[in-house]
Amino acid sequence: RGYCVRHPHVRLRKKKMLGGWQILITNCPECCMAEMNRLKRLGKKKKKKNDKLTKSMPANSMQAMAEEQEQYPGSSRSQSRRRNDNFADDVKSVRSSRSKSS
């Protein structure tokens, strides 16, 4: 009670005299370090996987991807966003024409 579940030597809380718990540390520092190391390893694995994918792709498809990114800066969803913006403009124009005719 009051200690980390995974690291019993780390005290997180202590009992108050009148009841309840006083928080000494909100998170176990050893658990935080372990989580940071795990995320680092995950990131390195992901990076290696992405490097393998780009190496295995033919040069012409990589060039096409680069050209597409130059053509549509930002995210790959920029084209769909433009469609949504155009749709919103159309809706606004329809609403304004309806209010004028009323």
N, C-alpha and C. Protein backbone atom coordinates (compact mmCIF):
# COMPACT_ATOMS: atom_id res chain seq x y z
N ARG A 1 0.83 -1.18 0.00
CA ARG A 1 0.00 0.00 0.00
C ARG A 1 0.88 1.25 0.00
N GLY A 2 0.67 2.06 -1.05
CA GLY A 2 1.44 3.29 -1.15
C GLY A 2 2.73 3.14 -1.93
N TYR A 3 3.06 1.91 -2.32
CA TYR A 3 4.29 1.65 -3.07
C TYR A 3 3.94 1.29 -4.52
N CYS A 4 4.92 1.43 -5.41
CA CYS A 4 4.72 1.06 -6.81
C CYS A 4 4.48 -0.44 -6.90
N VAL A 5 3.58 -0.83 -7.78
CA VAL A 5 3.24 -2.24 -7.93
C VAL A 5 4.42 -3.03 -8.50
N ARG A 6 5.13 -2.44 -9.45
CA ARG A 6 6.25 -3.12 -10.10
C ARG A 6 7.57 -2.92 -9.37
N HIS A 7 7.69 -1.85 -8.62
CA HIS A 7 8.93 -1.53 -7.90
C HIS A 7 8.58 -1.26 -6.44
N PRO A 8 8.51 -2.29 -5.63
CA PRO A 8 8.03 -2.15 -4.24
C PRO A 8 8.92 -1.28 -3.35
N HIS A 9 10.13 -0.97 -3.79
CA HIS A 9 11.02 -0.12 -2.98
C HIS A 9 10.76 1.37 -3.22
N VAL A 10 9.91 1.72 -4.22
CA VAL A 10 9.59 3.12 -4.52
C VAL A 10 8.27 3.48 -3.83
N ARG A 11 8.35 4.45 -2.90
CA ARG A 11 7.16 4.87 -2.15
C ARG A 11 6.49 6.04 -2.87
N LEU A 12 5.23 5.87 -3.24
CA LEU A 12 4.48 6.88 -3.96
C LEU A 12 3.59 7.71 -3.04
N ARG A 13 3.01 7.05 -2.02
CA ARG A 13 2.08 7.72 -1.11
C ARG A 13 2.34 7.25 0.32
N LYS A 14 1.93 8.07 1.26
CA LYS A 14 2.00 7.61 2.66
C LYS A 14 0.72 7.98 3.38
N LYS A 15 0.40 7.21 4.37
CA LYS A 15 -0.83 7.37 5.14
C LYS A 15 -0.74 8.63 5.99
N LYS A 16 -1.83 9.43 6.00
CA LYS A 16 -1.89 10.61 6.86
C LYS A 16 -2.32 10.20 8.26
N MET A 17 -2.03 11.05 9.24
CA MET A 17 -2.39 10.77 10.64
C MET A 17 -3.89 10.66 10.81
N LEU A 18 -4.64 11.57 10.16
CA LEU A 18 -6.09 11.61 10.35
C LEU A 18 -6.84 10.80 9.29
N GLY A 19 -6.14 10.01 8.52
CA GLY A 19 -6.75 9.21 7.47
C GLY A 19 -6.52 9.80 6.10
N GLY A 20 -6.62 8.99 5.10
CA GLY A 20 -6.35 9.44 3.74
C GLY A 20 -4.90 9.21 3.36
N TRP A 21 -4.55 9.63 2.19
CA TRP A 21 -3.20 9.41 1.68
C TRP A 21 -2.57 10.71 1.25
N GLN A 22 -1.29 10.86 1.54
CA GLN A 22 -0.52 12.01 1.07
C GLN A 22 0.31 11.51 -0.12
N ILE A 23 0.21 12.23 -1.23
CA ILE A 23 0.94 11.82 -2.43
C ILE A 23 2.35 12.38 -2.35
N LEU A 24 3.34 11.49 -2.37
CA LEU A 24 4.74 11.90 -2.37
C LEU A 24 5.23 12.09 -3.80
N ILE A 25 4.97 11.11 -4.65
CA ILE A 25 5.35 11.15 -6.07
C ILE A 25 4.15 10.64 -6.86
N THR A 26 3.79 11.33 -7.93
CA THR A 26 2.62 10.90 -8.69
C THR A 26 2.92 9.68 -9.55
N ASN A 27 4.13 9.60 -10.11
CA ASN A 27 4.50 8.46 -10.96
C ASN A 27 5.82 7.88 -10.50
N CYS A 28 5.95 6.59 -10.63
CA CYS A 28 7.20 5.91 -10.29
C CYS A 28 8.27 6.28 -11.32
N PRO A 29 9.41 6.81 -10.89
CA PRO A 29 10.45 7.21 -11.84
C PRO A 29 11.01 6.02 -12.63
N GLU A 30 11.07 4.87 -12.01
CA GLU A 30 11.60 3.69 -12.71
C GLU A 30 10.62 3.21 -13.78
N CYS A 31 9.32 3.29 -13.50
CA CYS A 31 8.32 2.94 -14.50
C CYS A 31 8.39 3.92 -15.68
N CYS A 32 8.58 5.21 -15.37
CA CYS A 32 8.69 6.22 -16.43
C CYS A 32 9.89 5.95 -17.32
N MET A 33 11.03 5.61 -16.72
CA MET A 33 12.23 5.31 -17.51
C MET A 33 12.01 4.07 -18.38
N ALA A 34 11.38 3.06 -17.82
CA ALA A 34 11.12 1.84 -18.58
C ALA A 34 10.20 2.15 -19.77
N GLU A 35 9.20 2.98 -19.57
CA GLU A 35 8.28 3.34 -20.65
C GLU A 35 8.99 4.16 -21.72
N MET A 36 9.86 5.08 -21.31
CA MET A 36 10.62 5.88 -22.29
C MET A 36 11.52 4.98 -23.13
N ASN A 37 12.18 4.04 -22.51
CA ASN A 37 13.04 3.11 -23.25
C ASN A 37 12.23 2.26 -24.21
N ARG A 38 11.05 1.83 -23.78
CA ARG A 38 10.19 1.02 -24.65
C ARG A 38 9.77 1.83 -25.88
N LEU A 39 9.40 3.09 -25.67
CA LEU A 39 8.98 3.94 -26.79
C LEU A 39 10.14 4.21 -27.75
N LYS A 40 11.36 4.35 -27.20
CA LYS A 40 12.54 4.54 -28.05
C LYS A 40 12.75 3.34 -28.94
N ARG A 41 12.66 2.15 -28.33
CA ARG A 41 12.84 0.92 -29.12
C ARG A 41 11.78 0.80 -30.19
N LEU A 42 10.54 1.14 -29.84
CA LEU A 42 9.45 1.09 -30.82
C LEU A 42 9.71 2.04 -31.98
N GLY A 43 10.17 3.25 -31.67
CA GLY A 43 10.46 4.24 -32.69
C GLY A 43 11.57 3.78 -33.62
N LYS A 44 12.60 3.15 -33.08
CA LYS A 44 13.69 2.65 -33.91
C LYS A 44 13.22 1.54 -34.82
N LYS A 45 12.38 0.64 -34.29
CA LYS A 45 11.84 -0.45 -35.11
C LYS A 45 11.00 0.11 -36.25
N LYS A 46 10.18 1.11 -35.93
CA LYS A 46 9.33 1.72 -36.95
C LYS A 46 10.17 2.38 -38.03
N LYS A 47 11.22 3.06 -37.60
CA LYS A 47 12.10 3.75 -38.55
C LYS A 47 12.78 2.74 -39.47
N LYS A 48 13.26 1.65 -38.89
CA LYS A 48 13.90 0.61 -39.70
C LYS A 48 12.92 0.04 -40.71
N LYS A 49 11.69 -0.18 -40.27
CA LYS A 49 10.66 -0.74 -41.15
C LYS A 49 10.39 0.21 -42.31
N ASN A 50 10.29 1.52 -42.02
CA ASN A 50 10.05 2.51 -43.07
C ASN A 50 11.23 2.58 -44.03
N ASP A 51 12.46 2.46 -43.50
CA ASP A 51 13.64 2.48 -44.37
C ASP A 51 13.63 1.29 -45.31
N LYS A 52 13.25 0.13 -44.79
CA LYS A 52 13.19 -1.07 -45.63
C LYS A 52 12.16 -0.90 -46.73
N LEU A 53 11.00 -0.30 -46.39
CA LEU A 53 9.96 -0.10 -47.38
C LEU A 53 10.42 0.83 -48.49
N THR A 54 11.08 1.92 -48.13
CA THR A 54 11.52 2.87 -49.15
C THR A 54 12.63 2.29 -50.00
N LYS A 55 13.48 1.44 -49.42
CA LYS A 55 14.55 0.81 -50.20
C LYS A 55 13.99 -0.22 -51.17
N SER A 56 12.92 -0.89 -50.76
CA SER A 56 12.35 -1.93 -51.61
C SER A 56 11.48 -1.37 -52.73
N MET A 57 11.08 -0.09 -52.62
CA MET A 57 10.24 0.52 -53.65
C MET A 57 11.08 0.84 -54.88
N PRO A 58 10.53 0.65 -56.08
CA PRO A 58 11.25 1.04 -57.28
C PRO A 58 11.46 2.55 -57.30
N ALA A 59 12.52 2.97 -57.99
CA ALA A 59 12.89 4.39 -58.01
C ALA A 59 11.79 5.24 -58.63
N ASN A 60 11.12 4.72 -59.67
CA ASN A 60 10.10 5.53 -60.34
C ASN A 60 8.90 5.80 -59.45
N SER A 61 8.53 4.84 -58.58
CA SER A 61 7.39 5.08 -57.69
C SER A 61 7.76 6.07 -56.60
N MET A 62 9.03 6.04 -56.14
CA MET A 62 9.48 7.01 -55.14
C MET A 62 9.48 8.41 -55.75
N GLN A 63 9.87 8.49 -57.02
CA GLN A 63 9.89 9.78 -57.70
C GLN A 63 8.46 10.30 -57.85
N ALA A 64 7.53 9.41 -58.16
CA ALA A 64 6.14 9.81 -58.30
C ALA A 64 5.59 10.33 -56.97
N MET A 65 5.97 9.66 -55.87
CA MET A 65 5.53 10.11 -54.55
C MET A 65 6.09 11.50 -54.24
N ALA A 66 7.34 11.73 -54.57
CA ALA A 66 7.96 13.03 -54.31
C ALA A 66 7.27 14.12 -55.14
N GLU A 67 6.96 13.80 -56.39
CA GLU A 67 6.28 14.78 -57.24
C GLU A 67 4.89 15.09 -56.70
N GLU A 68 4.20 14.08 -56.21
CA GLU A 68 2.86 14.29 -55.66
C GLU A 68 2.92 15.17 -54.43
N GLN A 69 3.94 14.96 -53.58
CA GLN A 69 4.08 15.78 -52.39
C GLN A 69 4.39 17.23 -52.76
N GLU A 70 5.18 17.44 -53.83
CA GLU A 70 5.48 18.79 -54.27
C GLU A 70 4.21 19.46 -54.82
N GLN A 71 3.42 18.67 -55.53
CA GLN A 71 2.21 19.20 -56.14
C GLN A 71 1.18 19.57 -55.08
N TYR A 72 1.04 18.72 -54.06
CA TYR A 72 0.08 18.96 -52.98
C TYR A 72 0.84 19.08 -51.67
N PRO A 73 1.33 20.28 -51.34
CA PRO A 73 2.08 20.42 -50.09
C PRO A 73 1.19 20.15 -48.89
N GLY A 74 1.81 19.79 -47.81
CA GLY A 74 1.05 19.47 -46.60
C GLY A 74 0.83 17.98 -46.51
N SER A 75 -0.27 17.58 -46.00
CA SER A 75 -0.55 16.17 -45.82
C SER A 75 -1.09 15.56 -47.11
N SER A 76 -1.16 14.25 -47.13
CA SER A 76 -1.67 13.55 -48.31
C SER A 76 -3.18 13.71 -48.45
N ARG A 77 -3.82 14.25 -47.41
CA ARG A 77 -5.27 14.42 -47.45
C ARG A 77 -5.67 15.81 -47.94
N SER A 78 -4.71 16.57 -48.45
CA SER A 78 -5.04 17.94 -48.84
C SER A 78 -6.05 17.97 -49.98
N GLN A 79 -5.99 16.97 -50.87
CA GLN A 79 -6.93 16.95 -51.98
C GLN A 79 -8.35 16.72 -51.48
N SER A 80 -8.53 15.81 -50.54
CA SER A 80 -9.88 15.57 -50.01
C SER A 80 -10.37 16.77 -49.22
N ARG A 81 -9.45 17.50 -48.57
CA ARG A 81 -9.86 18.70 -47.85
C ARG A 81 -10.37 19.75 -48.83
N ARG A 82 -9.69 19.86 -49.98
CA ARG A 82 -10.16 20.82 -50.99
C ARG A 82 -11.56 20.47 -51.45
N ARG A 83 -11.81 19.17 -51.65
CA ARG A 83 -13.16 18.75 -52.05
C ARG A 83 -14.18 19.14 -50.99
N ASN A 84 -13.85 18.91 -49.73
CA ASN A 84 -14.76 19.25 -48.64
C ASN A 84 -15.00 20.76 -48.59
N ASP A 85 -13.94 21.55 -48.81
CA ASP A 85 -14.10 23.00 -48.81
C ASP A 85 -15.01 23.44 -49.95
N ASN A 86 -14.83 22.83 -51.12
CA ASN A 86 -15.68 23.17 -52.26
C ASN A 86 -17.13 22.80 -51.97
N PHE A 87 -17.33 21.66 -51.34
CA PHE A 87 -18.68 21.23 -50.98
C PHE A 87 -19.30 22.22 -50.01
N ALA A 88 -18.51 22.68 -49.02
CA ALA A 88 -19.03 23.64 -48.05
C ALA A 88 -19.41 24.94 -48.74
N ASP A 89 -18.59 25.37 -49.72
CA ASP A 89 -18.92 26.59 -50.47
C ASP A 89 -20.22 26.43 -51.24
N ASP A 90 -20.41 25.25 -51.84
CA ASP A 90 -21.64 24.98 -52.58
C ASP A 90 -22.85 25.03 -51.66
N VAL A 91 -22.73 24.46 -50.49
CA VAL A 91 -23.83 24.45 -49.52
C VAL A 91 -24.17 25.88 -49.11
N LYS A 92 -23.15 26.69 -48.88
CA LYS A 92 -23.38 28.08 -48.49
C LYS A 92 -24.11 28.84 -49.59
N SER A 93 -23.70 28.60 -50.84
CA SER A 93 -24.35 29.32 -51.94
C SER A 93 -25.80 28.89 -52.10
N VAL A 94 -26.09 27.60 -51.89
CA VAL A 94 -27.47 27.12 -51.97
C VAL A 94 -28.31 27.75 -50.87
N ARG A 95 -27.76 27.81 -49.66
CA ARG A 95 -28.50 28.39 -48.54
C ARG A 95 -28.78 29.87 -48.80
N SER A 96 -27.79 30.57 -49.31
CA SER A 96 -27.99 32.01 -49.53
C SER A 96 -29.02 32.24 -50.64
N SER A 97 -29.02 31.39 -51.67
CA SER A 97 -30.02 31.55 -52.75
C SER A 97 -31.41 31.22 -52.23
N ARG A 98 -31.53 30.26 -51.31
CA ARG A 98 -32.85 29.92 -50.74
C ARG A 98 -33.37 31.07 -49.89
N SER A 99 -32.48 31.70 -49.13
CA SER A 99 -32.94 32.79 -48.25
C SER A 99 -33.35 34.00 -49.08
N LYS A 100 -32.73 34.21 -50.23
CA LYS A 100 -33.10 35.32 -51.09
C LYS A 100 -34.47 35.11 -51.73
N SER A 101 -34.77 33.85 -52.10
CA SER A 101 -36.04 33.55 -52.76
C SER A 101 -37.22 33.53 -51.79
N SER A 102 -36.95 33.37 -50.49
CA SER A 102 -38.02 33.28 -49.49
C SER A 102 -38.66 34.60 -49.19
